[in-house]
Amino acid sequence: MRNLIAFATVAVLLVPACKASVNVNANAQATAKAEPTQEEPEWGAAPTAETTADDQPQQTDYFGIARGLTLAPGRQAACSCIAAAVGMPSDPAFKWRGEPPKVASDGMVMAISTEGIACDTQGPGPSIRGVDRSGEDVVVVIEDYHAGRPQALGAIIPNPGGNGAVYVRAAGKTAYGKPLAATNGAHPTWCLVSKGSGAANTVVAPRDPADSSGTNPK
């Protein structure tokens, strides 16, 4: 059975946010992440911290939705109806609201966008529902945006390593995230976004058993 990193629903506007994060580092699973002490952007963000050349993180301790992350404009379609990019937080492909989080070599960030992307099907827009694992591959699951909860366009994901890749999988009948062309590969209905590199993050375990159901308890 594949382990699912699922993301909590976050209230918007003036309703206090109900946060959840997935810690995939085995050494830190028993310790809940402390609440940020700084005021967050009004539409939410992943836990952040300043990073300098002399203070590079040794491991990524937060994996989940990064609401301060969006994709820079001018990107071409990577999958049906969306542009997508995978990399490190400092990559110019990404735009951050506030300070980006610390991400070590065991993690990466991914963002999607519909800006400037043609789509034959008019829909409510895409939203990242969760991150799945299939063998050595990382699979970002995209669903239709649902009114009443914030749209997720960015996430911090495990590094699939040199033998893996990052795919997008369209959930249900959504038009967002299907392959641009037919393929005869191992995953013909998934959209390949990026090949992996370096050492893989192989420790992926939800902090709470309820994570595997698709939602975290408050």
N, C-alpha and C. Protein backbone atom coordinates (compact mmCIF):
# COMPACT_ATOMS: atom_id res chain seq x y z
N MET A 1 0.86 -1.19 0.00
CA MET A 1 0.00 0.00 0.00
C MET A 1 0.89 1.24 0.00
N ARG A 2 0.57 2.22 -0.79
CA ARG A 2 1.36 3.42 -0.85
C ARG A 2 1.00 4.34 0.30
N ASN A 3 2.01 4.98 0.83
CA ASN A 3 1.78 5.94 1.90
C ASN A 3 1.37 7.27 1.30
N LEU A 4 0.38 7.86 1.85
CA LEU A 4 -0.14 9.13 1.33
C LEU A 4 0.19 10.25 2.26
N ILE A 5 0.83 11.27 1.72
CA ILE A 5 1.00 12.51 2.47
C ILE A 5 -0.17 13.39 2.11
N ALA A 6 -1.10 13.61 3.04
CA ALA A 6 -2.30 14.35 2.72
C ALA A 6 -2.28 15.67 3.45
N PHE A 7 -2.97 16.60 2.91
CA PHE A 7 -2.88 17.96 3.41
C PHE A 7 -4.19 18.41 4.05
N ALA A 8 -4.06 19.14 5.16
CA ALA A 8 -5.22 19.61 5.91
C ALA A 8 -5.93 20.72 5.18
N THR A 9 -7.21 20.82 5.36
CA THR A 9 -8.00 21.94 4.90
C THR A 9 -7.71 23.15 5.77
N VAL A 10 -7.46 24.30 5.13
CA VAL A 10 -7.10 25.49 5.88
C VAL A 10 -8.18 26.53 5.70
N ALA A 11 -8.74 27.05 6.79
CA ALA A 11 -9.78 28.07 6.73
C ALA A 11 -9.19 29.35 6.17
N VAL A 12 -10.04 30.19 5.55
CA VAL A 12 -9.55 31.40 4.92
C VAL A 12 -10.13 32.63 5.60
N LEU A 13 -9.68 33.84 5.11
CA LEU A 13 -10.09 35.14 5.61
C LEU A 13 -9.79 35.25 7.09
N LEU A 14 -10.79 35.54 7.93
CA LEU A 14 -10.54 35.81 9.33
C LEU A 14 -10.72 34.60 10.21
N VAL A 15 -11.00 33.46 9.61
CA VAL A 15 -11.17 32.25 10.42
C VAL A 15 -9.81 31.70 10.75
N PRO A 16 -9.48 31.44 12.02
CA PRO A 16 -8.15 30.92 12.37
C PRO A 16 -7.84 29.66 11.60
N ALA A 17 -6.59 29.54 11.12
CA ALA A 17 -6.19 28.39 10.31
C ALA A 17 -5.97 27.17 11.19
N CYS A 18 -6.34 26.02 10.66
CA CYS A 18 -6.11 24.74 11.35
C CYS A 18 -5.02 24.02 10.59
N LYS A 19 -3.79 23.98 11.18
CA LYS A 19 -2.62 23.56 10.44
C LYS A 19 -2.30 22.09 10.67
N ALA A 20 -1.70 21.52 9.64
CA ALA A 20 -1.17 20.17 9.80
C ALA A 20 0.02 20.04 8.91
N SER A 21 1.02 19.36 9.34
CA SER A 21 2.19 19.12 8.52
C SER A 21 2.57 17.66 8.65
N VAL A 22 3.24 17.16 7.59
CA VAL A 22 3.68 15.77 7.61
C VAL A 22 5.18 15.74 7.77
N ASN A 23 5.65 15.08 8.78
CA ASN A 23 7.08 14.97 9.04
C ASN A 23 7.53 13.61 8.56
N VAL A 24 8.34 13.57 7.49
CA VAL A 24 8.77 12.29 6.96
C VAL A 24 10.15 11.91 7.45
N ASN A 25 10.69 12.66 8.39
CA ASN A 25 11.97 12.30 8.96
C ASN A 25 11.74 11.44 10.18
N ALA A 26 12.29 10.22 10.18
CA ALA A 26 12.00 9.27 11.25
C ALA A 26 12.48 9.77 12.59
N ASN A 27 13.52 10.63 12.62
CA ASN A 27 14.05 11.10 13.89
C ASN A 27 13.17 12.16 14.53
N ALA A 28 12.23 12.72 13.76
CA ALA A 28 11.43 13.81 14.29
C ALA A 28 9.96 13.51 14.33
N GLN A 29 9.54 12.25 14.05
CA GLN A 29 8.12 11.94 13.95
C GLN A 29 7.40 12.12 15.27
N ALA A 30 8.07 11.95 16.39
CA ALA A 30 7.40 12.00 17.68
C ALA A 30 7.25 13.41 18.21
N THR A 31 7.80 14.40 17.48
CA THR A 31 7.78 15.77 17.98
C THR A 31 6.93 16.63 17.09
N ALA A 32 5.88 17.23 17.63
CA ALA A 32 5.00 18.10 16.85
C ALA A 32 5.73 19.39 16.54
N LYS A 33 5.46 19.96 15.37
CA LYS A 33 6.13 21.18 14.97
C LYS A 33 5.53 22.36 15.71
N ALA A 34 6.40 23.25 16.21
CA ALA A 34 5.95 24.41 16.97
C ALA A 34 5.26 25.40 16.06
N GLU A 35 4.31 26.15 16.63
CA GLU A 35 3.64 27.18 15.88
C GLU A 35 4.61 28.30 15.56
N PRO A 36 4.53 28.90 14.36
CA PRO A 36 5.42 30.01 14.03
C PRO A 36 5.17 31.19 14.97
N THR A 37 6.23 31.93 15.27
CA THR A 37 6.09 33.07 16.15
C THR A 37 5.85 34.35 15.36
N GLN A 38 6.16 34.34 14.06
CA GLN A 38 5.93 35.52 13.26
C GLN A 38 4.54 35.48 12.65
N GLU A 39 4.01 36.66 12.37
CA GLU A 39 2.71 36.74 11.72
C GLU A 39 2.84 36.22 10.31
N GLU A 40 1.92 35.35 9.87
CA GLU A 40 1.99 34.76 8.56
C GLU A 40 1.26 35.62 7.54
N PRO A 41 1.57 35.45 6.24
CA PRO A 41 0.79 36.13 5.21
C PRO A 41 -0.68 35.76 5.35
N GLU A 42 -1.56 36.67 4.92
CA GLU A 42 -2.98 36.50 5.18
C GLU A 42 -3.56 35.25 4.55
N TRP A 43 -2.90 34.71 3.51
CA TRP A 43 -3.46 33.52 2.88
C TRP A 43 -2.69 32.27 3.21
N GLY A 44 -1.82 32.33 4.20
CA GLY A 44 -1.17 31.13 4.74
C GLY A 44 0.14 30.82 4.07
N ALA A 45 0.98 30.06 4.77
CA ALA A 45 2.27 29.66 4.23
C ALA A 45 2.78 28.47 5.01
N ALA A 46 3.69 27.72 4.41
CA ALA A 46 4.35 26.65 5.13
C ALA A 46 5.31 27.24 6.15
N PRO A 47 5.68 26.49 7.20
CA PRO A 47 6.65 26.98 8.17
C PRO A 47 7.90 27.46 7.48
N THR A 48 8.41 28.64 7.87
CA THR A 48 9.54 29.23 7.19
C THR A 48 10.66 29.54 8.15
N ALA A 49 11.86 29.68 7.63
CA ALA A 49 13.02 30.09 8.40
C ALA A 49 14.06 30.61 7.44
N GLU A 50 14.88 31.55 7.90
CA GLU A 50 15.91 32.11 7.05
C GLU A 50 17.01 31.08 6.82
N THR A 51 17.55 31.09 5.60
CA THR A 51 18.64 30.19 5.26
C THR A 51 19.81 31.00 4.73
N THR A 52 20.99 30.78 5.26
CA THR A 52 22.19 31.44 4.79
C THR A 52 23.15 30.38 4.29
N ALA A 53 24.23 30.84 3.61
CA ALA A 53 25.21 29.91 3.07
C ALA A 53 25.86 29.08 4.17
N ASP A 54 25.93 29.65 5.40
CA ASP A 54 26.57 28.95 6.50
C ASP A 54 25.58 28.17 7.36
N ASP A 55 24.31 28.20 6.95
CA ASP A 55 23.27 27.56 7.77
C ASP A 55 22.33 26.77 6.88
N GLN A 56 22.88 25.91 6.04
CA GLN A 56 22.08 25.07 5.17
C GLN A 56 21.47 23.93 5.97
N PRO A 57 20.17 23.65 5.78
CA PRO A 57 19.55 22.56 6.55
C PRO A 57 20.11 21.21 6.15
N GLN A 58 20.23 20.34 7.13
CA GLN A 58 20.72 18.98 6.88
C GLN A 58 19.59 18.03 6.49
N GLN A 59 18.36 18.38 6.87
CA GLN A 59 17.21 17.57 6.52
C GLN A 59 15.97 18.45 6.54
N THR A 60 15.00 18.06 5.74
CA THR A 60 13.74 18.80 5.66
C THR A 60 12.79 18.23 6.69
N ASP A 61 12.27 19.09 7.57
CA ASP A 61 11.41 18.56 8.63
C ASP A 61 9.94 18.89 8.42
N TYR A 62 9.59 19.50 7.29
CA TYR A 62 8.18 19.77 6.99
C TYR A 62 7.91 19.39 5.54
N PHE A 63 6.93 18.57 5.32
CA PHE A 63 6.47 18.25 3.97
C PHE A 63 4.96 18.47 3.94
N GLY A 64 4.51 19.25 3.01
CA GLY A 64 3.08 19.53 2.93
C GLY A 64 2.81 20.72 2.03
N ILE A 65 1.61 21.20 2.08
CA ILE A 65 1.21 22.33 1.25
C ILE A 65 2.00 23.57 1.64
N ALA A 66 2.46 24.30 0.65
CA ALA A 66 3.15 25.57 0.86
C ALA A 66 2.28 26.67 0.24
N ARG A 67 1.44 27.28 1.04
CA ARG A 67 0.49 28.25 0.50
C ARG A 67 1.14 29.57 0.13
N GLY A 68 2.39 29.77 0.54
CA GLY A 68 3.10 30.96 0.10
C GLY A 68 3.81 30.77 -1.22
N LEU A 69 3.66 29.60 -1.84
CA LEU A 69 4.38 29.26 -3.06
C LEU A 69 3.47 29.30 -4.28
N THR A 70 3.94 30.01 -5.30
CA THR A 70 3.25 30.02 -6.60
C THR A 70 4.30 29.88 -7.69
N LEU A 71 3.85 29.63 -8.90
CA LEU A 71 4.74 29.48 -10.04
C LEU A 71 4.89 30.82 -10.74
N ALA A 72 6.12 31.17 -11.08
CA ALA A 72 6.36 32.41 -11.81
C ALA A 72 5.68 32.35 -13.18
N PRO A 73 5.19 33.47 -13.69
CA PRO A 73 4.51 33.46 -14.99
C PRO A 73 5.46 33.16 -16.14
N GLY A 74 4.87 32.87 -17.29
CA GLY A 74 5.66 32.65 -18.48
C GLY A 74 6.09 31.21 -18.71
N ARG A 75 5.53 30.27 -17.96
CA ARG A 75 5.88 28.87 -18.12
C ARG A 75 4.99 28.21 -19.18
N GLN A 76 5.52 27.19 -19.82
CA GLN A 76 4.75 26.42 -20.79
C GLN A 76 4.01 25.28 -20.10
N ALA A 77 3.01 24.76 -20.79
CA ALA A 77 2.24 23.64 -20.22
C ALA A 77 3.14 22.43 -20.02
N ALA A 78 3.05 21.84 -18.84
CA ALA A 78 3.77 20.60 -18.56
C ALA A 78 2.83 19.41 -18.64
N CYS A 79 1.58 19.63 -18.26
CA CYS A 79 0.53 18.62 -18.31
C CYS A 79 -0.72 19.33 -18.83
N SER A 80 -1.79 18.60 -19.04
CA SER A 80 -2.99 19.22 -19.58
C SER A 80 -3.48 20.34 -18.67
N CYS A 81 -3.64 21.51 -19.24
CA CYS A 81 -4.24 22.68 -18.59
C CYS A 81 -3.41 23.29 -17.46
N ILE A 82 -2.19 22.82 -17.22
CA ILE A 82 -1.37 23.41 -16.16
C ILE A 82 0.10 23.49 -16.58
N ALA A 83 0.77 24.51 -16.06
CA ALA A 83 2.23 24.55 -16.04
C ALA A 83 2.67 23.99 -14.70
N ALA A 84 3.88 23.45 -14.64
CA ALA A 84 4.38 22.86 -13.40
C ALA A 84 5.89 22.92 -13.40
N ALA A 85 6.47 23.05 -12.22
CA ALA A 85 7.93 23.05 -12.08
C ALA A 85 8.30 22.40 -10.76
N VAL A 86 9.46 21.75 -10.75
CA VAL A 86 10.00 21.11 -9.56
C VAL A 86 11.43 21.60 -9.37
N GLY A 87 11.82 21.90 -8.14
CA GLY A 87 13.17 22.34 -7.88
C GLY A 87 13.36 22.69 -6.42
N MET A 88 14.36 23.54 -6.14
CA MET A 88 14.62 24.02 -4.80
C MET A 88 13.97 25.40 -4.61
N PRO A 89 13.75 25.82 -3.37
CA PRO A 89 13.02 27.08 -3.14
C PRO A 89 13.61 28.30 -3.83
N SER A 90 14.94 28.32 -4.03
CA SER A 90 15.59 29.48 -4.63
C SER A 90 15.49 29.53 -6.14
N ASP A 91 14.93 28.49 -6.76
CA ASP A 91 14.80 28.45 -8.21
C ASP A 91 13.94 29.62 -8.68
N PRO A 92 14.38 30.36 -9.72
CA PRO A 92 13.59 31.50 -10.22
C PRO A 92 12.25 31.10 -10.81
N ALA A 93 11.99 29.81 -10.98
CA ALA A 93 10.67 29.37 -11.46
C ALA A 93 9.60 29.60 -10.41
N PHE A 94 10.01 29.82 -9.15
CA PHE A 94 9.05 29.93 -8.06
C PHE A 94 8.96 31.35 -7.52
N LYS A 95 7.78 31.69 -7.03
CA LYS A 95 7.55 32.95 -6.33
C LYS A 95 7.05 32.62 -4.94
N TRP A 96 7.58 33.33 -3.94
CA TRP A 96 7.20 33.08 -2.55
C TRP A 96 6.58 34.33 -1.94
N ARG A 97 5.57 34.11 -1.15
CA ARG A 97 5.00 35.18 -0.35
C ARG A 97 5.59 35.03 1.05
N GLY A 98 6.48 35.92 1.43
CA GLY A 98 7.20 35.76 2.67
C GLY A 98 8.46 34.95 2.45
N GLU A 99 9.14 34.61 3.52
CA GLU A 99 10.37 33.84 3.45
C GLU A 99 10.09 32.39 3.04
N PRO A 100 10.86 31.86 2.10
CA PRO A 100 10.68 30.44 1.76
C PRO A 100 11.14 29.55 2.89
N PRO A 101 10.64 28.32 2.96
CA PRO A 101 11.05 27.40 4.03
C PRO A 101 12.42 26.82 3.75
N LYS A 102 13.03 26.25 4.79
CA LYS A 102 14.27 25.52 4.61
C LYS A 102 13.95 24.16 3.99
N VAL A 103 14.62 23.84 2.91
CA VAL A 103 14.45 22.54 2.26
C VAL A 103 15.84 21.98 1.99
N ALA A 104 16.13 20.81 2.54
CA ALA A 104 17.43 20.17 2.34
C ALA A 104 17.39 19.28 1.11
N SER A 105 18.47 18.54 0.89
CA SER A 105 18.55 17.71 -0.31
C SER A 105 17.58 16.54 -0.29
N ASP A 106 16.97 16.24 0.86
CA ASP A 106 15.98 15.16 0.92
C ASP A 106 14.60 15.62 0.49
N GLY A 107 14.47 16.90 0.15
CA GLY A 107 13.18 17.45 -0.26
C GLY A 107 13.31 18.33 -1.48
N MET A 108 12.17 18.68 -2.05
CA MET A 108 12.08 19.58 -3.20
C MET A 108 10.78 20.36 -3.06
N VAL A 109 10.59 21.35 -3.92
CA VAL A 109 9.31 22.03 -3.95
C VAL A 109 8.73 21.90 -5.35
N MET A 110 7.41 21.96 -5.41
CA MET A 110 6.72 21.89 -6.70
C MET A 110 5.59 22.91 -6.69
N ALA A 111 5.37 23.56 -7.83
CA ALA A 111 4.27 24.50 -7.97
C ALA A 111 3.60 24.29 -9.31
N ILE A 112 2.31 24.61 -9.37
CA ILE A 112 1.53 24.51 -10.60
C ILE A 112 0.83 25.84 -10.85
N SER A 113 0.41 26.03 -12.10
CA SER A 113 -0.29 27.27 -12.45
C SER A 113 -1.11 27.04 -13.71
N THR A 114 -2.16 27.83 -13.87
CA THR A 114 -2.94 27.82 -15.11
C THR A 114 -2.74 29.10 -15.91
N GLU A 115 -1.91 30.00 -15.40
CA GLU A 115 -1.74 31.31 -16.03
C GLU A 115 -1.13 31.16 -17.43
N GLY A 116 -1.86 31.63 -18.43
CA GLY A 116 -1.38 31.59 -19.80
C GLY A 116 -1.43 30.22 -20.45
N ILE A 117 -2.08 29.26 -19.81
CA ILE A 117 -2.14 27.89 -20.33
C ILE A 117 -3.50 27.63 -20.95
N ALA A 118 -3.51 27.23 -22.21
CA ALA A 118 -4.77 26.93 -22.89
C ALA A 118 -5.37 25.64 -22.34
N CYS A 119 -6.70 25.61 -22.27
CA CYS A 119 -7.38 24.43 -21.77
C CYS A 119 -8.72 24.28 -22.49
N ASP A 120 -8.96 23.11 -23.04
CA ASP A 120 -10.20 22.88 -23.79
C ASP A 120 -11.42 22.81 -22.87
N THR A 121 -11.19 22.45 -21.62
CA THR A 121 -12.29 22.30 -20.67
C THR A 121 -12.23 23.40 -19.63
N GLN A 122 -13.29 24.17 -19.53
CA GLN A 122 -13.36 25.21 -18.52
C GLN A 122 -13.73 24.58 -17.18
N GLY A 123 -12.87 24.74 -16.21
CA GLY A 123 -13.12 24.16 -14.91
C GLY A 123 -12.89 25.17 -13.80
N PRO A 124 -13.04 24.75 -12.55
CA PRO A 124 -12.89 25.67 -11.42
C PRO A 124 -11.44 26.00 -11.09
N GLY A 125 -10.49 25.33 -11.75
CA GLY A 125 -9.08 25.50 -11.45
C GLY A 125 -8.55 24.29 -10.71
N PRO A 126 -7.22 24.09 -10.75
CA PRO A 126 -6.63 22.93 -10.10
C PRO A 126 -6.27 23.21 -8.65
N SER A 127 -6.10 22.17 -7.87
CA SER A 127 -5.61 22.28 -6.50
C SER A 127 -4.88 20.98 -6.15
N ILE A 128 -3.77 21.10 -5.44
CA ILE A 128 -3.02 19.92 -5.03
C ILE A 128 -3.75 19.24 -3.87
N ARG A 129 -4.12 17.99 -4.08
CA ARG A 129 -4.84 17.24 -3.04
C ARG A 129 -3.90 16.50 -2.10
N GLY A 130 -2.79 16.01 -2.62
CA GLY A 130 -1.88 15.26 -1.78
C GLY A 130 -0.69 14.77 -2.57
N VAL A 131 0.22 14.11 -1.88
CA VAL A 131 1.41 13.54 -2.50
C VAL A 131 1.47 12.06 -2.18
N ASP A 132 1.62 11.23 -3.20
CA ASP A 132 1.63 9.79 -3.06
C ASP A 132 3.01 9.27 -3.44
N ARG A 133 3.29 8.04 -3.09
CA ARG A 133 4.52 7.38 -3.52
C ARG A 133 4.17 6.10 -4.27
N SER A 134 4.89 5.85 -5.34
CA SER A 134 4.74 4.61 -6.10
C SER A 134 6.15 4.10 -6.39
N GLY A 135 6.60 3.15 -5.60
CA GLY A 135 7.98 2.71 -5.73
C GLY A 135 8.91 3.86 -5.40
N GLU A 136 9.80 4.18 -6.33
CA GLU A 136 10.73 5.29 -6.12
C GLU A 136 10.20 6.61 -6.65
N ASP A 137 9.02 6.61 -7.22
CA ASP A 137 8.45 7.83 -7.80
C ASP A 137 7.61 8.59 -6.78
N VAL A 138 7.56 9.91 -6.95
CA VAL A 138 6.69 10.78 -6.17
C VAL A 138 5.56 11.24 -7.09
N VAL A 139 4.34 11.14 -6.60
CA VAL A 139 3.16 11.45 -7.41
C VAL A 139 2.35 12.54 -6.74
N VAL A 140 2.24 13.68 -7.40
CA VAL A 140 1.45 14.80 -6.89
C VAL A 140 0.05 14.69 -7.47
N VAL A 141 -0.93 14.57 -6.61
CA VAL A 141 -2.31 14.34 -7.03
C VAL A 141 -3.03 15.68 -7.16
N ILE A 142 -3.62 15.91 -8.33
CA ILE A 142 -4.31 17.17 -8.63
C ILE A 142 -5.81 16.91 -8.73
N GLU A 143 -6.58 17.76 -8.09
CA GLU A 143 -8.04 17.68 -8.17
C GLU A 143 -8.61 19.03 -8.59
N ASP A 144 -9.90 19.08 -8.88
CA ASP A 144 -10.57 20.35 -9.12
C ASP A 144 -10.63 21.14 -7.82
N TYR A 145 -10.42 22.44 -7.91
CA TYR A 145 -10.56 23.31 -6.75
C TYR A 145 -12.00 23.29 -6.26
N HIS A 146 -12.15 23.18 -4.95
CA HIS A 146 -13.47 23.18 -4.33
C HIS A 146 -13.68 24.49 -3.58
N ALA A 147 -14.75 25.19 -3.90
CA ALA A 147 -15.06 26.43 -3.20
C ALA A 147 -15.25 26.15 -1.72
N GLY A 148 -14.79 27.06 -0.91
CA GLY A 148 -14.94 26.89 0.53
C GLY A 148 -13.66 26.48 1.21
N ARG A 149 -12.65 26.13 0.44
CA ARG A 149 -11.35 25.87 1.02
C ARG A 149 -10.28 26.43 0.09
N PRO A 150 -9.13 26.81 0.65
CA PRO A 150 -8.13 27.49 -0.16
C PRO A 150 -7.54 26.60 -1.23
N GLN A 151 -7.18 27.24 -2.33
CA GLN A 151 -6.56 26.53 -3.44
C GLN A 151 -5.09 26.29 -3.12
N ALA A 152 -4.61 25.08 -3.34
CA ALA A 152 -3.22 24.72 -3.09
C ALA A 152 -2.48 24.61 -4.42
N LEU A 153 -1.53 25.50 -4.64
CA LEU A 153 -0.78 25.53 -5.89
C LEU A 153 0.70 25.21 -5.69
N GLY A 154 1.11 24.96 -4.46
CA GLY A 154 2.50 24.62 -4.18
C GLY A 154 2.61 23.63 -3.05
N ALA A 155 3.71 22.89 -3.04
CA ALA A 155 3.93 21.89 -1.99
C ALA A 155 5.42 21.61 -1.85
N ILE A 156 5.80 21.16 -0.65
CA ILE A 156 7.14 20.64 -0.39
C ILE A 156 7.03 19.12 -0.44
N ILE A 157 7.82 18.50 -1.30
CA ILE A 157 7.68 17.07 -1.56
C ILE A 157 8.99 16.34 -1.28
N PRO A 158 8.94 15.02 -1.03
CA PRO A 158 10.17 14.25 -0.88
C PRO A 158 10.97 14.21 -2.18
N ASN A 159 12.26 14.12 -2.08
CA ASN A 159 13.12 13.96 -3.24
C ASN A 159 13.07 12.50 -3.71
N PRO A 160 12.65 12.24 -4.96
CA PRO A 160 12.56 10.85 -5.42
C PRO A 160 13.92 10.21 -5.70
N GLY A 161 14.98 11.02 -5.76
CA GLY A 161 16.31 10.46 -6.02
C GLY A 161 16.55 10.16 -7.48
N GLY A 162 17.79 9.76 -7.79
CA GLY A 162 18.19 9.56 -9.17
C GLY A 162 17.47 8.44 -9.90
N ASN A 163 16.89 7.51 -9.16
CA ASN A 163 16.16 6.41 -9.80
C ASN A 163 14.66 6.65 -9.88
N GLY A 164 14.21 7.81 -9.42
CA GLY A 164 12.78 8.10 -9.41
C GLY A 164 12.45 9.33 -10.24
N ALA A 165 11.20 9.71 -10.21
CA ALA A 165 10.71 10.87 -10.95
C ALA A 165 9.54 11.48 -10.21
N VAL A 166 9.18 12.70 -10.61
CA VAL A 166 8.01 13.38 -10.07
C VAL A 166 6.93 13.40 -11.14
N TYR A 167 5.79 12.84 -10.81
CA TYR A 167 4.65 12.79 -11.72
C TYR A 167 3.49 13.62 -11.16
N VAL A 168 2.60 14.02 -12.06
CA VAL A 168 1.29 14.56 -11.68
C VAL A 168 0.25 13.53 -12.08
N ARG A 169 -0.67 13.27 -11.16
CA ARG A 169 -1.79 12.37 -11.46
C ARG A 169 -3.10 13.11 -11.28
N ALA A 170 -3.92 13.11 -12.31
CA ALA A 170 -5.22 13.79 -12.26
C ALA A 170 -6.22 12.91 -11.51
N ALA A 171 -6.87 13.48 -10.51
CA ALA A 171 -7.85 12.74 -9.71
C ALA A 171 -9.22 12.80 -10.38
N GLY A 172 -9.84 11.66 -10.50
CA GLY A 172 -11.20 11.62 -11.03
C GLY A 172 -11.28 12.13 -12.46
N LYS A 173 -12.27 12.97 -12.74
CA LYS A 173 -12.52 13.47 -14.08
C LYS A 173 -11.95 14.86 -14.33
N THR A 174 -11.11 15.35 -13.42
CA THR A 174 -10.56 16.68 -13.62
C THR A 174 -9.77 16.76 -14.92
N ALA A 175 -9.82 17.93 -15.54
CA ALA A 175 -9.06 18.15 -16.78
C ALA A 175 -7.61 18.50 -16.50
N TYR A 176 -7.28 18.80 -15.26
CA TYR A 176 -5.96 19.29 -14.91
C TYR A 176 -5.00 18.15 -14.57
N GLY A 177 -3.85 18.12 -15.26
CA GLY A 177 -2.80 17.20 -14.87
C GLY A 177 -2.68 15.93 -15.66
N LYS A 178 -3.42 15.77 -16.75
CA LYS A 178 -3.26 14.59 -17.59
C LYS A 178 -2.04 14.76 -18.50
N PRO A 179 -1.49 13.65 -19.02
CA PRO A 179 -0.35 13.77 -19.94
C PRO A 179 -0.73 14.54 -21.19
N LEU A 180 0.24 15.28 -21.74
CA LEU A 180 -0.02 16.04 -22.96
C LEU A 180 -0.10 15.13 -24.18
N ALA A 181 0.55 13.99 -24.09
CA ALA A 181 0.53 13.03 -25.21
C ALA A 181 0.51 11.62 -24.64
N ALA A 182 -0.01 10.71 -25.45
CA ALA A 182 -0.07 9.31 -25.03
C ALA A 182 1.34 8.74 -24.86
N THR A 183 1.49 7.88 -23.87
CA THR A 183 2.79 7.26 -23.61
C THR A 183 2.61 5.78 -23.33
N ASN A 184 3.64 5.02 -23.66
CA ASN A 184 3.62 3.59 -23.41
C ASN A 184 4.45 3.20 -22.20
N GLY A 185 4.77 4.18 -21.36
CA GLY A 185 5.59 3.91 -20.20
C GLY A 185 4.84 3.18 -19.11
N ALA A 186 5.48 3.09 -17.95
CA ALA A 186 4.89 2.36 -16.82
C ALA A 186 3.64 3.05 -16.28
N HIS A 187 3.53 4.37 -16.49
CA HIS A 187 2.39 5.13 -15.95
C HIS A 187 1.76 5.95 -17.08
N PRO A 188 1.02 5.32 -17.98
CA PRO A 188 0.51 6.02 -19.17
C PRO A 188 -0.51 7.11 -18.86
N THR A 189 -1.13 7.09 -17.69
CA THR A 189 -2.13 8.12 -17.37
C THR A 189 -1.57 9.21 -16.46
N TRP A 190 -0.30 9.11 -16.12
CA TRP A 190 0.34 10.13 -15.29
C TRP A 190 1.17 11.06 -16.16
N CYS A 191 1.36 12.28 -15.69
CA CYS A 191 2.14 13.28 -16.43
C CYS A 191 3.51 13.41 -15.78
N LEU A 192 4.56 13.12 -16.53
CA LEU A 192 5.92 13.25 -16.02
C LEU A 192 6.32 14.72 -15.99
N VAL A 193 6.71 15.20 -14.81
CA VAL A 193 7.10 16.60 -14.66
C VAL A 193 8.61 16.74 -14.56
N SER A 194 9.26 15.83 -13.84
CA SER A 194 10.70 15.97 -13.64
C SER A 194 11.31 14.63 -13.26
N LYS A 195 12.51 14.38 -13.74
CA LYS A 195 13.30 13.25 -13.27
C LYS A 195 13.92 13.62 -11.93
N GLY A 196 14.14 12.61 -11.08
CA GLY A 196 14.78 12.86 -9.81
C GLY A 196 16.29 12.93 -9.94
N SER A 197 16.97 13.30 -8.86
CA SER A 197 18.43 13.34 -8.86
C SER A 197 18.92 13.21 -7.43
N GLY A 198 20.17 12.79 -7.28
CA GLY A 198 20.75 12.70 -5.95
C GLY A 198 20.21 11.52 -5.17
N ALA A 199 20.31 11.63 -3.84
CA ALA A 199 19.85 10.57 -2.95
C ALA A 199 18.36 10.72 -2.65
N ALA A 200 17.64 9.61 -2.69
CA ALA A 200 16.20 9.65 -2.48
C ALA A 200 15.85 9.75 -1.00
N ASN A 201 14.74 10.42 -0.72
CA ASN A 201 14.13 10.38 0.61
C ASN A 201 13.23 9.15 0.63
N THR A 202 13.65 8.13 1.35
CA THR A 202 12.89 6.87 1.37
C THR A 202 12.08 6.69 2.63
N VAL A 203 12.14 7.65 3.56
CA VAL A 203 11.40 7.54 4.81
C VAL A 203 10.15 8.40 4.68
N VAL A 204 9.05 7.78 4.37
CA VAL A 204 7.79 8.51 4.18
C VAL A 204 6.73 7.82 5.02
N ALA A 205 6.41 8.42 6.15
CA ALA A 205 5.40 7.85 7.05
C ALA A 205 4.58 8.98 7.64
N PRO A 206 3.26 8.99 7.44
CA PRO A 206 2.43 10.03 8.04
C PRO A 206 2.63 10.09 9.54
N ARG A 207 2.58 11.28 10.09
CA ARG A 207 2.74 11.45 11.53
C ARG A 207 1.58 10.86 12.30
N ASP A 208 0.40 10.86 11.69
CA ASP A 208 -0.80 10.37 12.36
C ASP A 208 -1.51 9.40 11.40
N PRO A 209 -2.02 8.25 11.89
CA PRO A 209 -2.70 7.31 11.00
C PRO A 209 -3.84 7.94 10.23
N ALA A 210 -4.46 8.97 10.75
CA ALA A 210 -5.58 9.61 10.06
C ALA A 210 -5.13 10.29 8.78
N ASP A 211 -3.82 10.57 8.64
CA ASP A 211 -3.34 11.20 7.43
C ASP A 211 -3.66 10.38 6.19
N SER A 212 -3.67 9.06 6.32
CA SER A 212 -3.87 8.21 5.16
C SER A 212 -5.30 8.26 4.62
N SER A 213 -6.21 8.85 5.39
CA SER A 213 -7.59 8.94 4.93
C SER A 213 -7.82 10.11 4.02
N GLY A 214 -6.86 11.02 3.93
CA GLY A 214 -7.00 12.16 3.06
C GLY A 214 -7.17 13.47 3.81
N THR A 215 -7.42 13.42 5.12
CA THR A 215 -7.53 14.63 5.91
C THR A 215 -6.88 14.41 7.25
N ASN A 216 -6.37 15.47 7.84
CA ASN A 216 -5.81 15.41 9.17
C ASN A 216 -6.82 15.91 10.19
N PRO A 217 -6.85 15.35 11.38
CA PRO A 217 -7.71 15.90 12.41
C PRO A 217 -7.18 17.23 12.87
N LYS A 218 -8.04 18.08 13.39
CA LYS A 218 -7.60 19.36 13.91
C LYS A 218 -6.92 19.15 15.25
